[in-house]
PDB file of N, CA and C in Angstrom:
ATOM      1  N   UNK A   1       0.843  -1.183   0.000  1.00  0.00           N
ATOM      2  CA  UNK A   1       0.000   0.000   0.000  1.00  0.00           C
ATOM      3  C   UNK A   1       0.889   1.248   0.000  1.00  0.00           C
ATOM      4  N   UNK A   2       0.587   2.177  -0.841  1.00  0.00           N
ATOM      5  CA  UNK A   2       1.383   3.402  -0.956  1.00  0.00           C
ATOM      6  C   UNK A   2       1.156   4.311   0.250  1.00  0.00           C
ATOM      7  N   UNK A   3       2.242   4.903   0.704  1.00  0.00           N
ATOM      8  CA  UNK A   3       2.127   5.843   1.814  1.00  0.00           C
ATOM      9  C   UNK A   3       1.745   7.212   1.282  1.00  0.00           C
ATOM     10  N   UNK A   4       1.022   7.958   2.100  1.00  0.00           N
ATOM     11  CA  UNK A   4       0.698   9.322   1.722  1.00  0.00           C
ATOM     12  C   UNK A   4       1.333  10.293   2.722  1.00  0.00           C
ATOM     13  N   UNK A   5       1.137  11.561   2.489  1.00  0.00           N
ATOM     14  CA  UNK A   5       1.758  12.593   3.324  1.00  0.00           C
ATOM     15  C   UNK A   5       1.348  12.441   4.794  1.00  0.00           C
ATOM     16  N   UNK A   6       0.089  12.122   5.038  1.00  0.00           N
ATOM     17  CA  UNK A   6      -0.412  11.971   6.408  1.00  0.00           C
ATOM     18  C   UNK A   6       0.360  10.894   7.167  1.00  0.00           C
ATOM     19  N   UNK A   7       0.649   9.789   6.520  1.00  0.00           N
ATOM     20  CA  UNK A   7       1.368   8.692   7.168  1.00  0.00           C
ATOM     21  C   UNK A   7       2.714   9.151   7.719  1.00  0.00           C
ATOM     22  N   UNK A   8       3.398  10.009   6.978  1.00  0.00           N
ATOM     23  CA  UNK A   8       4.681  10.543   7.436  1.00  0.00           C
ATOM     24  C   UNK A   8       4.484  11.669   8.447  1.00  0.00           C
ATOM     25  N   UNK A   9       3.453  12.469   8.243  1.00  0.00           N
ATOM     26  CA  UNK A   9       3.184  13.625   9.102  1.00  0.00           C
ATOM     27  C   UNK A   9       2.956  13.210  10.556  1.00  0.00           C
ATOM     28  N   UNK A  10       2.177  12.161  10.776  1.00  0.00           N
ATOM     29  CA  UNK A  10       1.846  11.752  12.144  1.00  0.00           C
ATOM     30  C   UNK A  10       3.055  11.223  12.914  1.00  0.00           C
ATOM     31  N   UNK A  11       4.124  10.908  12.223  1.00  0.00           N
ATOM     32  CA  UNK A  11       5.340  10.430  12.883  1.00  0.00           C
ATOM     33  C   UNK A  11       6.263  11.571  13.311  1.00  0.00           C
ATOM     34  N   UNK A  12       5.977  12.787  12.869  1.00  0.00           N
ATOM     35  CA  UNK A  12       6.841  13.929  13.164  1.00  0.00           C
ATOM     36  C   UNK A  12       6.701  14.381  14.610  1.00  0.00           C
ATOM     37  N   UNK A  13       7.759  14.951  15.182  1.00  0.00           N
ATOM     38  CA  UNK A  13       7.636  15.566  16.504  1.00  0.00           C
ATOM     39  C   UNK A  13       6.777  16.826  16.400  1.00  0.00           C
ATOM     40  N   UNK A  14       6.232  17.250  17.515  1.00  0.00           N
ATOM     41  CA  UNK A  14       5.305  18.383  17.564  1.00  0.00           C
ATOM     42  C   UNK A  14       5.849  19.622  16.860  1.00  0.00           C
ATOM     43  N   UNK A  15       7.094  19.967  17.110  1.00  0.00           N
ATOM     44  CA  UNK A  15       7.676  21.169  16.520  1.00  0.00           C
ATOM     45  C   UNK A  15       7.696  21.095  14.991  1.00  0.00           C
ATOM     46  N   UNK A  16       8.045  19.940  14.463  1.00  0.00           N
ATOM     47  CA  UNK A  16       8.089  19.782  13.001  1.00  0.00           C
ATOM     48  C   UNK A  16       6.679  19.734  12.408  1.00  0.00           C
ATOM     49  N   UNK A  17       5.719  19.160  13.140  1.00  0.00           N
ATOM     50  CA  UNK A  17       4.326  19.178  12.682  1.00  0.00           C
ATOM     51  C   UNK A  17       3.845  20.612  12.524  1.00  0.00           C
ATOM     52  N   UNK A  18       4.122  21.425  13.538  1.00  0.00           N
ATOM     53  CA  UNK A  18       3.701  22.822  13.501  1.00  0.00           C
ATOM     54  C   UNK A  18       4.339  23.546  12.318  1.00  0.00           C
ATOM     55  N   UNK A  19       5.605  23.272  12.050  1.00  0.00           N
ATOM     56  CA  UNK A  19       6.287  23.915  10.920  1.00  0.00           C
ATOM     57  C   UNK A  19       5.668  23.481   9.593  1.00  0.00           C
ATOM     58  N   UNK A  20       5.370  22.204   9.458  1.00  0.00           N
ATOM     59  CA  UNK A  20       4.758  21.709   8.219  1.00  0.00           C
ATOM     60  C   UNK A  20       3.380  22.333   8.012  1.00  0.00           C
ATOM     61  N   UNK A  21       2.622  22.511   9.108  1.00  0.00           N
ATOM     62  CA  UNK A  21       1.306  23.130   9.000  1.00  0.00           C
ATOM     63  C   UNK A  21       1.433  24.591   8.569  1.00  0.00           C
ATOM     64  N   UNK A  22       2.419  25.282   9.118  1.00  0.00           N
ATOM     65  CA  UNK A  22       2.670  26.669   8.698  1.00  0.00           C
ATOM     66  C   UNK A  22       2.988  26.704   7.200  1.00  0.00           C
ATOM     67  N   UNK A  23       3.839  25.801   6.746  1.00  0.00           N
ATOM     68  CA  UNK A  23       4.219  25.748   5.330  1.00  0.00           C
ATOM     69  C   UNK A  23       3.011  25.452   4.434  1.00  0.00           C
ATOM     70  N   UNK A  24       2.168  24.490   4.838  1.00  0.00           N
ATOM     71  CA  UNK A  24       0.995  24.138   4.038  1.00  0.00           C
ATOM     72  C   UNK A  24       0.016  25.299   3.952  1.00  0.00           C
ATOM     73  N   UNK A  25      -0.172  26.014   5.063  1.00  0.00           N
ATOM     74  CA  UNK A  25      -1.083  27.158   5.069  1.00  0.00           C
ATOM     75  C   UNK A  25      -0.593  28.224   4.104  1.00  0.00           C
ATOM     76  N   UNK A  26       0.699  28.495   4.125  1.00  0.00           N
ATOM     77  CA  UNK A  26       1.259  29.509   3.229  1.00  0.00           C
ATOM     78  C   UNK A  26       1.107  29.097   1.768  1.00  0.00           C
ATOM     79  N   UNK A  27       1.336  27.836   1.471  1.00  0.00           N
ATOM     80  CA  UNK A  27       1.196  27.365   0.091  1.00  0.00           C
ATOM     81  C   UNK A  27      -0.241  27.482  -0.404  1.00  0.00           C
ATOM     82  N   UNK A  28      -1.193  27.306   0.495  1.00  0.00           N
ATOM     83  CA  UNK A  28      -2.603  27.360   0.123  1.00  0.00           C
ATOM     84  C   UNK A  28      -3.035  28.773  -0.233  1.00  0.00           C
ATOM     85  N   UNK A  29      -2.662  29.745   0.599  1.00  0.00           N
ATOM     86  CA  UNK A  29      -3.212  31.083   0.403  1.00  0.00           C
ATOM     87  C   UNK A  29      -2.194  32.187   0.657  1.00  0.00           C
ATOM     88  N   UNK A  30      -0.916  31.876   0.655  1.00  0.00           N
ATOM     89  CA  UNK A  30       0.139  32.843   0.962  1.00  0.00           C
ATOM     90  C   UNK A  30      -0.186  33.647   2.219  1.00  0.00           C
ATOM     91  N   UNK A  31      -0.740  32.957   3.190  1.00  0.00           N
ATOM     92  CA  UNK A  31      -1.064  33.546   4.487  1.00  0.00           C
ATOM     93  C   UNK A  31      -0.068  33.019   5.499  1.00  0.00           C
ATOM     94  N   UNK A  32       0.500  33.899   6.281  1.00  0.00           N
ATOM     95  CA  UNK A  32       1.504  33.501   7.263  1.00  0.00           C
ATOM     96  C   UNK A  32       0.817  33.296   8.615  1.00  0.00           C
ATOM     97  N   UNK A  33       0.710  32.046   9.036  1.00  0.00           N
ATOM     98  CA  UNK A  33       0.241  31.700  10.376  1.00  0.00           C
ATOM     99  C   UNK A  33       1.454  31.137  11.092  1.00  0.00           C
ATOM    100  N   UNK A  34       1.895  31.779  12.176  1.00  0.00           N
ATOM    101  CA  UNK A  34       3.132  31.349  12.829  1.00  0.00           C
ATOM    102  C   UNK A  34       3.063  29.922  13.367  1.00  0.00           C
ATOM    103  N   UNK A  35       4.187  29.255  13.291  1.00  0.00           N
ATOM    104  CA  UNK A  35       4.326  27.892  13.811  1.00  0.00           C
ATOM    105  C   UNK A  35       3.875  27.831  15.266  1.00  0.00           C
ATOM    106  N   UNK A  36       4.149  28.880  16.024  1.00  0.00           N
ATOM    107  CA  UNK A  36       3.781  28.942  17.442  1.00  0.00           C
ATOM    108  C   UNK A  36       2.277  28.692  17.640  1.00  0.00           C
ATOM    109  N   UNK A  37       1.465  29.231  16.759  1.00  0.00           N
ATOM    110  CA  UNK A  37       0.010  29.052  16.852  1.00  0.00           C
ATOM    111  C   UNK A  37      -0.361  27.574  16.748  1.00  0.00           C
ATOM    112  N   UNK A  38       0.170  26.898  15.740  1.00  0.00           N
ATOM    113  CA  UNK A  38      -0.133  25.479  15.553  1.00  0.00           C
ATOM    114  C   UNK A  38       0.425  24.637  16.697  1.00  0.00           C
ATOM    115  N   UNK A  39       1.597  24.991  17.171  1.00  0.00           N
ATOM    116  CA  UNK A  39       2.218  24.243  18.266  1.00  0.00           C
ATOM    117  C   UNK A  39       1.342  24.304  19.517  1.00  0.00           C
ATOM    118  N   UNK A  40       0.797  25.497  19.809  1.00  0.00           N
ATOM    119  CA  UNK A  40      -0.101  25.643  20.964  1.00  0.00           C
ATOM    120  C   UNK A  40      -1.353  24.789  20.790  1.00  0.00           C
ATOM    121  N   UNK A  41      -1.936  24.801  19.601  1.00  0.00           N
ATOM    122  CA  UNK A  41      -3.162  24.038  19.348  1.00  0.00           C
ATOM    123  C   UNK A  41      -2.912  22.533  19.411  1.00  0.00           C
ATOM    124  N   UNK A  42      -1.761  22.092  18.933  1.00  0.00           N
ATOM    125  CA  UNK A  42      -1.443  20.664  18.954  1.00  0.00           C
ATOM    126  C   UNK A  42      -1.084  20.172  20.353  1.00  0.00           C
ATOM    127  N   UNK A  43      -0.759  21.092  21.254  1.00  0.00           N
ATOM    128  CA  UNK A  43      -0.351  20.727  22.613  1.00  0.00           C
ATOM    129  C   UNK A  43      -1.515  20.646  23.596  1.00  0.00           C
ATOM    130  N   UNK A  44      -2.699  21.030  23.171  1.00  0.00           N
ATOM    131  CA  UNK A  44      -3.863  21.031  24.056  1.00  0.00           C
ATOM    132  C   UNK A  44      -4.240  19.593  24.419  1.00  0.00           C
ATOM    133  N   UNK A  45      -4.490  19.370  25.698  1.00  0.00           N
ATOM    134  CA  UNK A  45      -4.880  18.035  26.161  1.00  0.00           C
ATOM    135  C   UNK A  45      -6.295  17.699  25.685  1.00  0.00           C
ATOM    136  N   UNK A  46      -6.496  16.466  25.294  1.00  0.00           N
ATOM    137  CA  UNK A  46      -7.803  15.990  24.852  1.00  0.00           C
ATOM    138  C   UNK A  46      -8.342  15.063  25.926  1.00  0.00           C
ATOM    139  N   UNK A  47      -9.564  15.327  26.324  1.00  0.00           N
ATOM    140  CA  UNK A  47     -10.163  14.502  27.391  1.00  0.00           C
ATOM    141  C   UNK A  47     -11.113  13.486  26.830  1.00  0.00           C
TER     142      UNK A  47
END
């Protein structure tokens, strides 16, 4: 079975996930959302 981007993405550490999300957002709409924003959202505890 072929791997997709998600398969590799979920293996990344939090900091690199946030950076990749920042990069994807910019590619979509040339909008700069800081990595810090995504890092905070990914760090929230889920109950």
